[in-house]
Amino acid sequence: MHLRITSESINNGLDQYELDRKENALRSRLASLGSVLVAYSGGTDSAFLAWAAHEVLGERMLAVLADSSSLPRRELRRALEFAEHWQIPLKVVATEELERPDYVRNDGSRCFHCKDELFTLMERERKALRFDHLAYGKNVDDQGDFRPGQRAAEQHSVLSPLAEATLKKNEIRALAQRAGLAVWNKPASACLSSRIEYGLPVTREALAMIEAGEDALRDLGFGQARVRHHGEIVRIEIARQDLRRAFTPEMADRFASIFKKLGFKYVSLDCEGYRPGSMNLVLPIERIGKAD
C-alpha cells in the first residue's frame, strides 16, 4: 500500500540531536574525500547527497546524470531543474546499457549491468577530470533490499557516504526538508526497465510503451501508478486510495483505449494496487541469491 509522504510521518519519532550528529558525520566524510563525482538520478537520496556534497566541496564535486531510454523524460527534466535551482555542477552522460545483451536479457541481475555501465562511464570521467572518488546515494535501509546494483558499486569502489553516516531513508527526507529541498517528499521511482517482467527482453519499444502509459495515467489524475509490462498484457497498478475511482466501467473503457493503442492486446487492473518492487515477487528465490 502506498502511503503519502508527510512532514509528520517523516519526523515522527526522530531524535533531532541524533539527526544533527549524522548530518555532521556526513559533512565530515564528504570533506575528507577531497573531490567526488556523485551518481545523480534526481531522487531524494541522490539529490540530497549531491546538494550536501556541493555545500561541502563546492566546485570539487560533480553530479553525473545517466540518460538513457530507461529514464522517463519527466524525471530527466525534474533532475535538471533541481540541479539548476541549487547551482549544482552537473554533467549528463549517455549510457548504453541497451547495447549490453546481459542487460537486455532482463534476468535477476539486470540492475547490476545497468549500474556497471554507469560506474564504468563515471570512472572514465573521474580519471579524465582528475577527481578523487565516486559516490552514490545508498542509505542504511537499502542494505537489506534486493539491489544487484550494489554489487556493481562495490566492484567499482563507489563510496556510499549516506550509509557511512548511518542515515536512514526517513532521516534523509527530514534533512532534505530542513534544507528546503523540494525533493524531500518525492516518491520513489525506479527506472522504466523495472516495469518489464523478468525474462522478457528490455527494448526501446517496450520502454516507450510504459512511459507513454504512465504519462496517460498521470493525465487522468492517478499520481502514483505503475505500468507493468507482461508481453501482450499490461497490468496497471494504482495507489489503493485511488482504486475506487479506477474501478468504474467508464475508467475501464479509458484504460482499454489508451493501452490498446499503445500496442497491448489485453488490459488488466491489479486489485492489490500499487506496491514498489512487485516484479521481484515472481523472481525465484534462488535467482535472487545469485544476483545480489
Protein backbone atom coordinates (compact mmCIF):
# COMPACT_ATOMS: atom_id res chain seq x y z
CA MET A 1 0.00 0.00 0.00
CA HIS A 2 1.33 3.44 -0.93
CA LEU A 3 1.44 5.95 1.91
CA ARG A 4 1.57 9.67 1.31
CA ILE A 5 4.85 11.15 2.49
CA THR A 6 4.05 13.88 5.00
CA SER A 7 6.13 16.00 7.35
CA GLU A 8 4.52 14.25 10.32
CA SER A 9 5.30 10.76 9.01
CA ILE A 10 8.92 11.69 8.33
CA ASN A 11 9.69 13.49 11.58
CA ASN A 12 7.65 11.28 13.90
CA GLY A 13 9.97 9.75 16.49
CA LEU A 14 13.17 11.28 15.12
CA ASP A 15 15.79 12.36 17.65
CA GLN A 16 16.91 15.79 16.45
CA TYR A 17 20.21 15.54 18.31
CA GLU A 18 20.93 12.23 16.59
CA LEU A 19 19.89 13.72 13.25
CA ASP A 20 22.32 16.61 13.75
CA ARG A 21 25.07 14.16 14.66
CA LYS A 22 24.53 12.15 11.49
CA GLU A 23 24.43 15.26 9.31
CA ASN A 24 27.72 16.40 10.80
CA ALA A 25 29.18 12.93 10.19
CA LEU A 26 28.08 13.12 6.56
CA ARG A 27 29.63 16.55 6.08
CA SER A 28 32.88 15.43 7.70
CA ARG A 29 33.04 12.38 5.47
CA LEU A 30 32.41 14.45 2.34
CA ALA A 31 35.08 16.97 3.35
CA SER A 32 37.57 14.11 3.74
CA LEU A 33 37.07 13.00 0.13
CA GLY A 34 38.83 15.94 -1.46
CA SER A 35 36.76 15.75 -4.65
CA VAL A 36 33.97 13.47 -5.77
CA LEU A 37 31.69 12.53 -8.66
CA VAL A 38 28.16 11.78 -7.42
CA ALA A 39 25.84 9.42 -9.29
CA TYR A 40 22.70 11.55 -9.53
CA SER A 41 19.22 10.47 -10.60
CA GLY A 42 17.07 13.23 -9.17
CA GLY A 43 15.58 11.01 -6.46
CA THR A 44 15.60 12.08 -2.83
CA ASP A 45 18.76 10.23 -1.80
CA SER A 46 20.99 11.14 -4.73
CA ALA A 47 19.67 14.71 -4.85
CA PHE A 48 20.35 15.25 -1.14
CA LEU A 49 23.82 13.72 -1.48
CA ALA A 50 24.63 15.91 -4.49
CA TRP A 51 23.37 19.00 -2.63
CA ALA A 52 25.34 18.16 0.51
CA ALA A 53 28.49 17.42 -1.48
CA HIS A 54 28.17 20.76 -3.24
CA GLU A 55 27.63 22.53 0.09
CA VAL A 56 30.82 20.97 1.48
CA LEU A 57 33.07 20.71 -1.57
CA GLY A 58 31.81 23.41 -3.92
CA GLU A 59 33.32 23.02 -7.39
CA ARG A 60 35.26 19.97 -6.22
CA MET A 61 32.14 17.89 -6.77
CA LEU A 62 30.28 16.99 -9.93
CA ALA A 63 26.88 15.32 -10.22
CA VAL A 64 26.65 12.80 -13.06
CA LEU A 65 23.23 12.05 -14.51
CA ALA A 66 22.82 8.96 -16.69
CA ASP A 67 20.45 9.48 -19.59
CA SER A 68 19.03 6.51 -21.47
CA SER A 69 15.72 5.11 -22.73
CA SER A 70 15.01 3.72 -19.26
CA LEU A 71 14.85 7.21 -17.71
CA PRO A 72 11.44 8.90 -18.10
CA ARG A 73 11.69 12.32 -19.75
CA ARG A 74 9.66 13.77 -16.88
CA GLU A 75 12.25 12.55 -14.37
CA LEU A 76 15.08 13.88 -16.53
CA ARG A 77 13.50 17.35 -16.61
CA ARG A 78 12.97 17.37 -12.86
CA ALA A 79 16.53 16.28 -12.17
CA LEU A 80 17.90 19.02 -14.42
CA GLU A 81 15.67 21.63 -12.79
CA PHE A 82 16.79 20.65 -9.27
CA ALA A 83 20.47 20.87 -10.16
CA GLU A 84 19.97 24.19 -11.92
CA HIS A 85 18.00 25.64 -9.00
CA TRP A 86 20.73 24.79 -6.49
CA GLN A 87 23.55 25.53 -8.96
CA ILE A 88 24.96 22.04 -8.55
CA PRO A 89 27.64 21.25 -11.15
CA LEU A 90 26.13 18.62 -13.42
CA LYS A 91 27.19 16.50 -16.36
CA VAL A 92 24.71 14.38 -18.32
CA VAL A 93 26.20 11.24 -19.84
CA ALA A 94 24.51 8.90 -22.31
CA THR A 95 24.60 5.32 -21.05
CA GLU A 96 24.29 2.39 -23.44
CA GLU A 97 23.02 -0.42 -21.24
CA LEU A 98 20.60 -1.41 -24.01
CA GLU A 99 23.63 -2.42 -26.07
CA ARG A 100 24.55 -4.98 -23.41
CA PRO A 101 23.00 -8.43 -24.08
CA ASP A 102 23.16 -9.27 -20.37
CA TYR A 103 21.03 -6.23 -19.59
CA VAL A 104 18.54 -6.79 -22.42
CA ARG A 105 18.09 -10.41 -21.28
CA ASN A 106 16.38 -9.00 -18.18
CA ASP A 107 17.08 -11.63 -15.55
CA GLY A 108 17.62 -11.01 -11.84
CA SER A 109 20.99 -9.35 -12.47
CA ARG A 110 19.68 -6.63 -14.82
CA CYS A 111 20.33 -3.84 -12.32
CA PHE A 112 23.92 -4.98 -11.92
CA HIS A 113 24.60 -4.48 -15.63
CA CYS A 114 22.88 -1.09 -15.59
CA LYS A 115 24.98 0.18 -12.69
CA ASP A 116 28.12 -1.44 -14.12
CA GLU A 117 27.58 0.62 -17.29
CA LEU A 118 27.08 3.80 -15.27
CA PHE A 119 30.03 3.34 -12.96
CA THR A 120 32.31 2.38 -15.86
CA LEU A 121 31.49 5.70 -17.54
CA MET A 122 31.85 7.59 -14.27
CA GLU A 123 35.27 6.06 -13.65
CA ARG A 124 36.41 7.32 -17.06
CA GLU A 125 35.10 10.79 -16.21
CA ARG A 126 36.78 10.68 -12.81
CA LYS A 127 40.16 9.92 -14.33
CA ALA A 128 39.76 12.46 -17.13
CA LEU A 129 38.70 15.24 -14.75
CA ARG A 130 41.14 14.16 -12.02
CA PHE A 131 38.56 13.73 -9.29
CA ASP A 132 39.41 11.54 -6.30
CA HIS A 133 36.32 9.42 -5.71
CA LEU A 134 32.95 8.16 -6.94
CA ALA A 135 29.87 8.14 -4.67
CA TYR A 136 26.22 7.17 -4.86
CA GLY A 137 23.09 7.53 -2.75
CA LYS A 138 22.87 4.20 -0.96
CA ASN A 139 21.45 4.53 2.56
CA VAL A 140 21.18 2.17 5.54
CA ASP A 141 17.68 0.99 4.57
CA ASP A 142 18.94 -0.11 1.15
CA GLN A 143 21.30 -2.66 2.65
CA GLY A 144 18.60 -5.26 3.27
CA ASP A 145 16.89 -4.92 -0.12
CA PHE A 146 17.39 -6.93 -3.30
CA ARG A 147 19.64 -4.48 -5.16
CA PRO A 148 22.13 -6.08 -7.55
CA GLY A 149 23.42 -2.60 -8.40
CA GLN A 150 25.16 -2.52 -5.02
CA ARG A 151 27.45 -5.30 -6.20
CA ALA A 152 28.47 -3.15 -9.18
CA ALA A 153 29.19 -0.27 -6.81
CA GLU A 154 31.44 -2.49 -4.72
CA GLN A 155 33.35 -3.70 -7.77
CA HIS A 156 33.97 -0.12 -8.89
CA SER A 157 34.88 1.08 -5.36
CA VAL A 158 31.99 3.55 -5.30
CA LEU A 159 31.54 5.13 -1.87
CA SER A 160 28.21 5.46 -0.06
CA PRO A 161 28.56 8.48 2.27
CA LEU A 162 24.90 8.40 3.36
CA ALA A 163 25.19 4.82 4.55
CA GLU A 164 28.56 5.53 6.14
CA ALA A 165 26.87 8.27 8.17
CA THR A 166 24.24 5.62 9.13
CA LEU A 167 21.46 7.71 7.60
CA LYS A 168 18.12 6.01 7.02
CA LYS A 169 15.59 6.99 4.37
CA ASN A 170 13.29 8.93 6.69
CA GLU A 171 16.29 10.77 8.15
CA ILE A 172 17.45 11.80 4.68
CA ARG A 173 13.96 13.08 3.92
CA ALA A 174 13.93 15.01 7.19
CA LEU A 175 17.31 16.61 6.46
CA ALA A 176 16.24 17.42 2.89
CA GLN A 177 13.07 19.05 4.20
CA ARG A 178 15.06 21.05 6.76
CA ALA A 179 17.34 22.26 3.94
CA GLY A 180 14.35 23.36 1.89
CA LEU A 181 14.87 20.80 -0.88
CA ALA A 182 11.69 20.20 -2.87
CA VAL A 183 12.61 16.52 -3.34
CA TRP A 184 12.22 15.73 0.39
CA ASN A 185 8.85 14.03 -0.13
CA LYS A 186 9.37 12.76 -3.67
CA PRO A 187 8.02 9.20 -4.08
CA ALA A 188 10.49 6.51 -5.09
CA SER A 189 10.64 5.98 -8.84
CA ALA A 190 12.64 3.09 -10.24
CA CYS A 191 13.74 3.04 -13.88
CA LEU A 192 11.29 2.06 -16.62
CA SER A 193 13.04 -1.29 -17.15
CA SER A 194 11.87 -2.40 -13.69
CA ARG A 195 8.31 -2.47 -15.07
CA ILE A 196 9.11 -5.27 -17.55
CA GLU A 197 8.51 -8.86 -16.47
CA TYR A 198 11.73 -10.74 -15.80
CA GLY A 199 12.67 -12.88 -18.79
CA LEU A 200 11.11 -10.56 -21.36
CA PRO A 201 13.72 -8.54 -23.25
CA VAL A 202 14.20 -4.87 -22.45
CA THR A 203 13.65 -2.93 -25.67
CA ARG A 204 13.28 0.73 -26.52
CA GLU A 205 9.80 -0.02 -27.84
CA ALA A 206 8.69 -1.60 -24.55
CA LEU A 207 10.15 1.27 -22.53
CA ALA A 208 8.36 3.81 -24.73
CA MET A 209 5.04 1.97 -24.23
CA ILE A 210 5.50 2.03 -20.46
CA GLU A 211 6.44 5.69 -20.32
CA ALA A 212 3.52 6.73 -22.53
CA GLY A 213 1.14 4.64 -20.44
CA GLU A 214 2.30 6.15 -17.15
CA ASP A 215 2.07 9.65 -18.61
CA ALA A 216 -1.51 8.88 -19.64
CA LEU A 217 -2.39 7.61 -16.16
CA ARG A 218 -0.91 10.77 -14.66
CA ASP A 219 -3.03 12.86 -17.04
CA LEU A 220 -6.08 11.00 -15.73
CA GLY A 221 -5.18 12.11 -12.21
CA PHE A 222 -3.51 8.94 -10.94
CA GLY A 223 -0.35 10.40 -9.44
CA GLN A 224 1.04 7.14 -8.04
CA ALA A 225 0.73 4.38 -10.64
CA ARG A 226 2.83 1.81 -12.46
CA VAL A 227 2.51 0.17 -15.86
CA ARG A 228 3.73 -3.43 -15.59
CA HIS A 229 4.66 -4.92 -18.96
CA HIS A 230 3.85 -8.65 -19.30
CA GLY A 231 4.24 -9.02 -23.06
CA GLU A 232 0.80 -8.78 -24.64
CA ILE A 233 -0.72 -7.99 -21.23
CA VAL A 234 -0.41 -4.74 -19.31
CA ARG A 235 -1.02 -4.84 -15.55
CA ILE A 236 -1.88 -1.42 -14.16
CA GLU A 237 -1.08 -0.71 -10.52
CA ILE A 238 -2.75 2.30 -8.93
CA ALA A 239 -2.43 3.60 -5.36
CA ARG A 240 -5.07 1.97 -3.18
CA GLN A 241 -6.63 5.29 -2.20
CA ASP A 242 -7.40 5.85 -5.90
CA LEU A 243 -8.74 2.37 -6.71
CA ARG A 244 -12.38 3.30 -6.12
CA ARG A 245 -12.16 5.85 -8.93
CA ALA A 246 -10.25 3.40 -11.14
CA PHE A 247 -12.78 0.55 -10.76
CA THR A 248 -15.59 2.01 -12.85
CA PRO A 249 -16.88 0.96 -16.27
CA GLU A 250 -16.08 4.40 -17.64
CA MET A 251 -12.47 4.29 -16.46
CA ALA A 252 -12.12 0.71 -17.72
CA ASP A 253 -13.03 1.98 -21.18
CA ARG A 254 -10.42 4.73 -20.92
CA PHE A 255 -7.74 2.26 -19.83
CA ALA A 256 -8.59 -0.16 -22.64
CA SER A 257 -8.50 2.57 -25.26
CA ILE A 258 -5.19 4.03 -24.05
CA PHE A 259 -3.26 0.80 -23.68
CA LYS A 260 -4.54 -1.00 -26.76
CA LYS A 261 -3.48 1.99 -28.83
CA LEU A 262 -0.02 1.62 -27.27
CA GLY A 263 0.17 -1.96 -28.53
CA PHE A 264 -1.08 -4.16 -25.69
CA LYS A 265 -3.64 -6.86 -26.52
CA TYR A 266 -5.02 -7.26 -23.01
CA VAL A 267 -5.50 -4.64 -20.31
CA SER A 268 -5.76 -5.52 -16.60
CA LEU A 269 -6.07 -3.52 -13.38
CA ASP A 270 -4.30 -5.02 -10.35
CA CYS A 271 -6.74 -5.43 -7.44
CA GLU A 272 -3.92 -5.11 -4.89
CA GLY A 273 -3.00 -1.64 -6.08
CA TYR A 274 0.44 -0.07 -6.36
CA ARG A 275 3.31 -1.59 -4.42
CA PRO A 276 7.01 -0.99 -5.07
CA GLY A 277 9.05 -3.88 -6.41
CA SER A 278 6.09 -6.11 -7.24
CA MET A 279 8.00 -7.65 -10.15
CA ASN A 280 10.52 -9.06 -7.67
CA LEU A 281 7.78 -11.14 -6.05
CA VAL A 282 7.77 -13.53 -9.01
CA LEU A 283 11.56 -13.85 -9.16
CA PRO A 284 12.63 -17.29 -7.89
CA ILE A 285 14.42 -17.05 -4.54
CA GLU A 286 17.40 -18.98 -5.86
CA ARG A 287 17.77 -16.40 -8.66
CA ILE A 288 17.74 -13.56 -6.15
CA GLY A 289 20.50 -15.28 -4.24
CA LYS A 290 22.68 -15.47 -7.33
CA ALA A 291 22.08 -11.88 -8.29
CA ASP A 292 22.56 -9.98 -5.05
